[in-house]
Amino acid sequence: MDSITREFLNWILKREFKKIRLKYEFEETVVIPQIDSKSIKLPGLGEVTMEKGKVMRVYRGVANQLADSGWVKIGEERLTSKDIVSMRWLESSEEGFIKLPDFFYLKATKLIRDDKSGKNIEIQNDLQEIVDIRLRKLFKLVFLKEVPSNIMERLQPEEVLLYSFLKETINAWQRELMYVDGGEQDQE
């Protein structure tokens, strides 16, 4: 594979990952204001008055910015290092895919980025093991004629992307390999 093709593939993957991150950032989540009567303008909500303790729904990207400023606490449970360890154990002990929390990889990388406990390397290693196990399972799926929907529902958006890419690439490769047109084929 030449460098131009590699660069093009990287560009496609980055673009698709950006779509996944945007979908995550524009998903609504619950926040609990920690300040009294602060009137602010929020994307998608316009002018809003925050009242301490009064639950609000905002886009996750906005929620993270407000939480970083100390104005709100995010209502959804965050992943912990213990969650990652238990998911690694479950994933390694199950034949099929376990159901991970929605946007698991984005949440796990945020956990690594925000870690203040010094367990950063341990969390990364556990996450890498989950990735490795799920990749092996995903490669097996690619060779099935049809994948049951209950299995596809257990995949993360990044995994669905990889599955689709691998499936289409293998199918295209097989078509080209078996292509016969009166003895003439493209010559490079």
Protein backbone atom coordinates (compact mmCIF):
# COMPACT_ATOMS: atom_id res chain seq x y z
CA MET A 1 0.00 0.00 0.00
CA ASP A 2 1.49 3.32 -1.00
CA SER A 3 1.72 6.38 1.23
CA ILE A 4 -1.08 8.23 -0.57
CA THR A 5 -3.49 5.35 0.04
CA ARG A 6 -2.40 5.15 3.70
CA GLU A 7 -2.91 8.89 4.12
CA PHE A 8 -6.35 8.65 2.51
CA LEU A 9 -7.35 5.80 4.83
CA ASN A 10 -6.10 7.77 7.84
CA TRP A 11 -8.12 10.79 6.69
CA ILE A 12 -11.27 8.66 6.35
CA LEU A 13 -10.78 7.10 9.80
CA LYS A 14 -10.15 10.47 11.43
CA ARG A 15 -13.26 11.90 9.77
CA GLU A 16 -15.40 8.96 10.96
CA PHE A 17 -13.99 9.15 14.50
CA LYS A 18 -14.74 12.87 14.51
CA LYS A 19 -18.39 12.06 13.64
CA ILE A 20 -18.54 9.63 16.56
CA ARG A 21 -17.07 12.23 18.94
CA LEU A 22 -19.53 14.85 17.69
CA LYS A 23 -22.45 12.47 18.21
CA TYR A 24 -21.21 11.91 21.75
CA GLU A 25 -20.75 15.65 22.43
CA PHE A 26 -24.23 16.48 21.10
CA GLU A 27 -26.00 13.84 23.16
CA GLU A 28 -27.99 15.31 26.02
CA THR A 29 -27.03 14.63 29.61
CA VAL A 30 -28.21 15.76 33.02
CA VAL A 31 -26.35 18.41 35.01
CA ILE A 32 -26.93 19.72 38.51
CA PRO A 33 -26.00 23.40 38.95
CA GLN A 34 -23.73 24.17 41.87
CA ILE A 35 -24.30 27.93 41.76
CA ASP A 36 -27.36 30.06 42.40
CA SER A 37 -29.21 32.07 39.80
CA LYS A 38 -26.61 32.46 37.11
CA SER A 39 -28.10 33.48 33.78
CA ILE A 40 -26.06 32.20 30.85
CA LYS A 41 -26.54 31.58 27.15
CA LEU A 42 -26.23 27.89 26.25
CA PRO A 43 -26.01 26.42 22.75
CA GLY A 44 -29.34 24.89 21.78
CA LEU A 45 -31.10 26.26 24.87
CA GLY A 46 -30.65 30.02 24.55
CA GLU A 47 -30.69 32.12 27.72
CA VAL A 48 -30.97 29.87 30.79
CA THR A 49 -31.05 30.65 34.48
CA MET A 50 -29.24 28.03 36.51
CA GLU A 51 -30.53 27.42 40.01
CA LYS A 52 -28.48 25.47 42.51
CA GLY A 53 -29.66 21.86 42.70
CA LYS A 54 -32.25 22.21 39.91
CA VAL A 55 -31.59 19.50 37.31
CA MET A 56 -31.06 20.59 33.70
CA ARG A 57 -30.50 18.75 30.43
CA VAL A 58 -27.73 20.07 28.17
CA TYR A 59 -25.44 18.74 25.45
CA ARG A 60 -22.60 16.67 26.87
CA GLY A 61 -19.96 18.99 25.39
CA VAL A 62 -21.56 21.96 27.15
CA ALA A 63 -21.95 19.91 30.34
CA ASN A 64 -18.23 19.11 30.37
CA GLN A 65 -17.31 22.77 29.95
CA LEU A 66 -19.69 23.82 32.72
CA ALA A 67 -18.35 21.05 34.98
CA ASP A 68 -14.75 22.11 34.29
CA SER A 69 -15.69 25.64 35.39
CA GLY A 70 -17.22 24.25 38.62
CA TRP A 71 -20.68 25.56 37.79
CA VAL A 72 -22.34 22.13 37.55
CA LYS A 73 -21.91 18.49 38.41
CA ILE A 74 -22.67 16.00 35.69
CA GLY A 75 -25.52 13.70 36.67
CA GLU A 76 -24.45 10.61 34.72
CA GLU A 77 -22.16 8.11 36.34
CA ARG A 78 -18.60 8.28 35.09
CA LEU A 79 -16.46 5.26 34.39
CA THR A 80 -14.05 4.30 37.13
CA SER A 81 -10.87 2.27 37.04
CA LYS A 82 -12.80 -0.51 38.84
CA ASP A 83 -15.37 -0.49 36.01
CA ILE A 84 -12.59 -0.95 33.45
CA VAL A 85 -11.07 -3.84 35.42
CA SER A 86 -14.42 -5.63 35.75
CA MET A 87 -15.23 -5.09 32.05
CA ARG A 88 -11.81 -6.49 31.10
CA TRP A 89 -12.47 -9.56 33.22
CA LEU A 90 -15.99 -10.03 31.83
CA GLU A 91 -14.84 -9.52 28.22
CA SER A 92 -12.06 -12.07 28.63
CA SER A 93 -14.37 -14.64 30.23
CA GLU A 94 -17.21 -14.37 27.68
CA GLU A 95 -17.25 -16.05 24.27
CA GLY A 96 -19.28 -13.19 22.77
CA PHE A 97 -19.16 -9.46 23.23
CA ILE A 98 -20.29 -7.99 26.53
CA LYS A 99 -22.47 -4.88 26.41
CA LEU A 100 -20.23 -1.94 27.24
CA PRO A 101 -21.63 1.45 28.28
CA ASP A 102 -22.53 3.72 25.36
CA PHE A 103 -19.48 5.56 24.00
CA PHE A 104 -17.27 3.39 26.19
CA TYR A 105 -13.99 4.22 24.44
CA LEU A 106 -14.55 7.98 24.63
CA LYS A 107 -15.45 7.72 28.31
CA ALA A 108 -12.47 5.45 29.03
CA THR A 109 -9.99 7.77 27.35
CA LYS A 110 -11.49 10.70 29.29
CA LEU A 111 -10.98 8.68 32.49
CA ILE A 112 -7.32 8.14 31.55
CA ARG A 113 -6.87 11.82 30.66
CA ASP A 114 -8.51 13.06 33.89
CA ASP A 115 -6.99 10.44 36.21
CA LYS A 116 -5.45 11.95 39.30
CA SER A 117 -5.01 8.71 41.25
CA GLY A 118 -1.81 7.66 39.48
CA LYS A 119 -3.50 4.56 38.02
CA ASN A 120 -3.25 6.01 34.52
CA ILE A 121 -0.93 3.26 33.18
CA GLU A 122 -3.00 0.46 34.77
CA ILE A 123 -6.20 1.84 33.25
CA GLN A 124 -4.49 2.14 29.86
CA ASN A 125 -3.27 -1.47 30.06
CA ASP A 126 -6.72 -2.76 31.02
CA LEU A 127 -8.32 -0.74 28.23
CA GLN A 128 -5.76 -2.06 25.72
CA GLU A 129 -6.57 -5.61 26.81
CA ILE A 130 -10.29 -4.96 26.26
CA VAL A 131 -9.49 -3.58 22.80
CA ASP A 132 -7.32 -6.60 21.95
CA ILE A 133 -9.95 -9.11 23.08
CA ARG A 134 -12.75 -7.33 21.23
CA LEU A 135 -10.62 -7.03 18.08
CA ARG A 136 -10.08 -10.80 18.02
CA LYS A 137 -13.84 -11.31 18.37
CA LEU A 138 -14.53 -8.68 15.70
CA PHE A 139 -12.22 -10.36 13.20
CA LYS A 140 -14.23 -13.56 13.59
CA LEU A 141 -17.46 -11.65 12.89
CA VAL A 142 -16.12 -10.36 9.57
CA PHE A 143 -16.17 -13.88 8.14
CA LEU A 144 -19.76 -14.66 9.08
CA LYS A 145 -22.26 -14.42 6.21
CA GLU A 146 -24.70 -12.54 8.44
CA VAL A 147 -24.17 -11.21 11.94
CA PRO A 148 -27.16 -11.42 14.30
CA SER A 149 -28.48 -7.98 15.28
CA ASN A 150 -28.10 -8.75 19.00
CA ILE A 151 -24.34 -9.01 18.44
CA MET A 152 -24.16 -5.79 16.40
CA GLU A 153 -26.04 -3.99 19.21
CA ARG A 154 -23.20 -4.86 21.58
CA LEU A 155 -20.57 -3.16 19.44
CA GLN A 156 -19.35 0.36 20.07
CA PRO A 157 -19.61 2.88 17.20
CA GLU A 158 -15.84 2.64 16.60
CA GLU A 159 -16.16 -1.15 16.34
CA VAL A 160 -19.08 -0.93 13.91
CA LEU A 161 -16.92 1.35 11.78
CA LEU A 162 -14.05 -1.13 11.78
CA TYR A 163 -16.36 -4.09 11.14
CA SER A 164 -17.96 -2.34 8.14
CA PHE A 165 -14.59 -1.29 6.76
CA LEU A 166 -13.08 -4.78 7.10
CA LYS A 167 -16.17 -6.49 5.69
CA GLU A 168 -16.30 -4.21 2.64
CA THR A 169 -12.53 -4.42 2.08
CA ILE A 170 -12.53 -8.22 2.19
CA ASN A 171 -15.56 -8.41 -0.12
CA ALA A 172 -13.94 -6.01 -2.61
CA TRP A 173 -10.67 -7.95 -2.43
CA GLN A 174 -12.49 -11.22 -3.13
CA ARG A 175 -14.41 -9.69 -6.06
CA GLU A 176 -11.19 -8.39 -7.61
CA LEU A 177 -9.38 -11.65 -6.97
CA MET A 178 -12.10 -13.68 -8.68
CA TYR A 179 -12.77 -11.14 -11.46
CA VAL A 180 -12.77 -12.79 -14.89
CA ASP A 181 -13.73 -10.82 -18.00
CA GLY A 182 -12.94 -12.79 -21.13
CA GLY A 183 -9.33 -13.18 -20.16
CA GLU A 184 -8.58 -9.44 -19.98
CA GLN A 185 -7.82 -7.88 -16.65
CA ASP A 186 -6.44 -4.50 -15.70
CA GLN A 187 -2.69 -4.46 -15.96
CA GLU A 188 -0.66 -2.11 -13.80
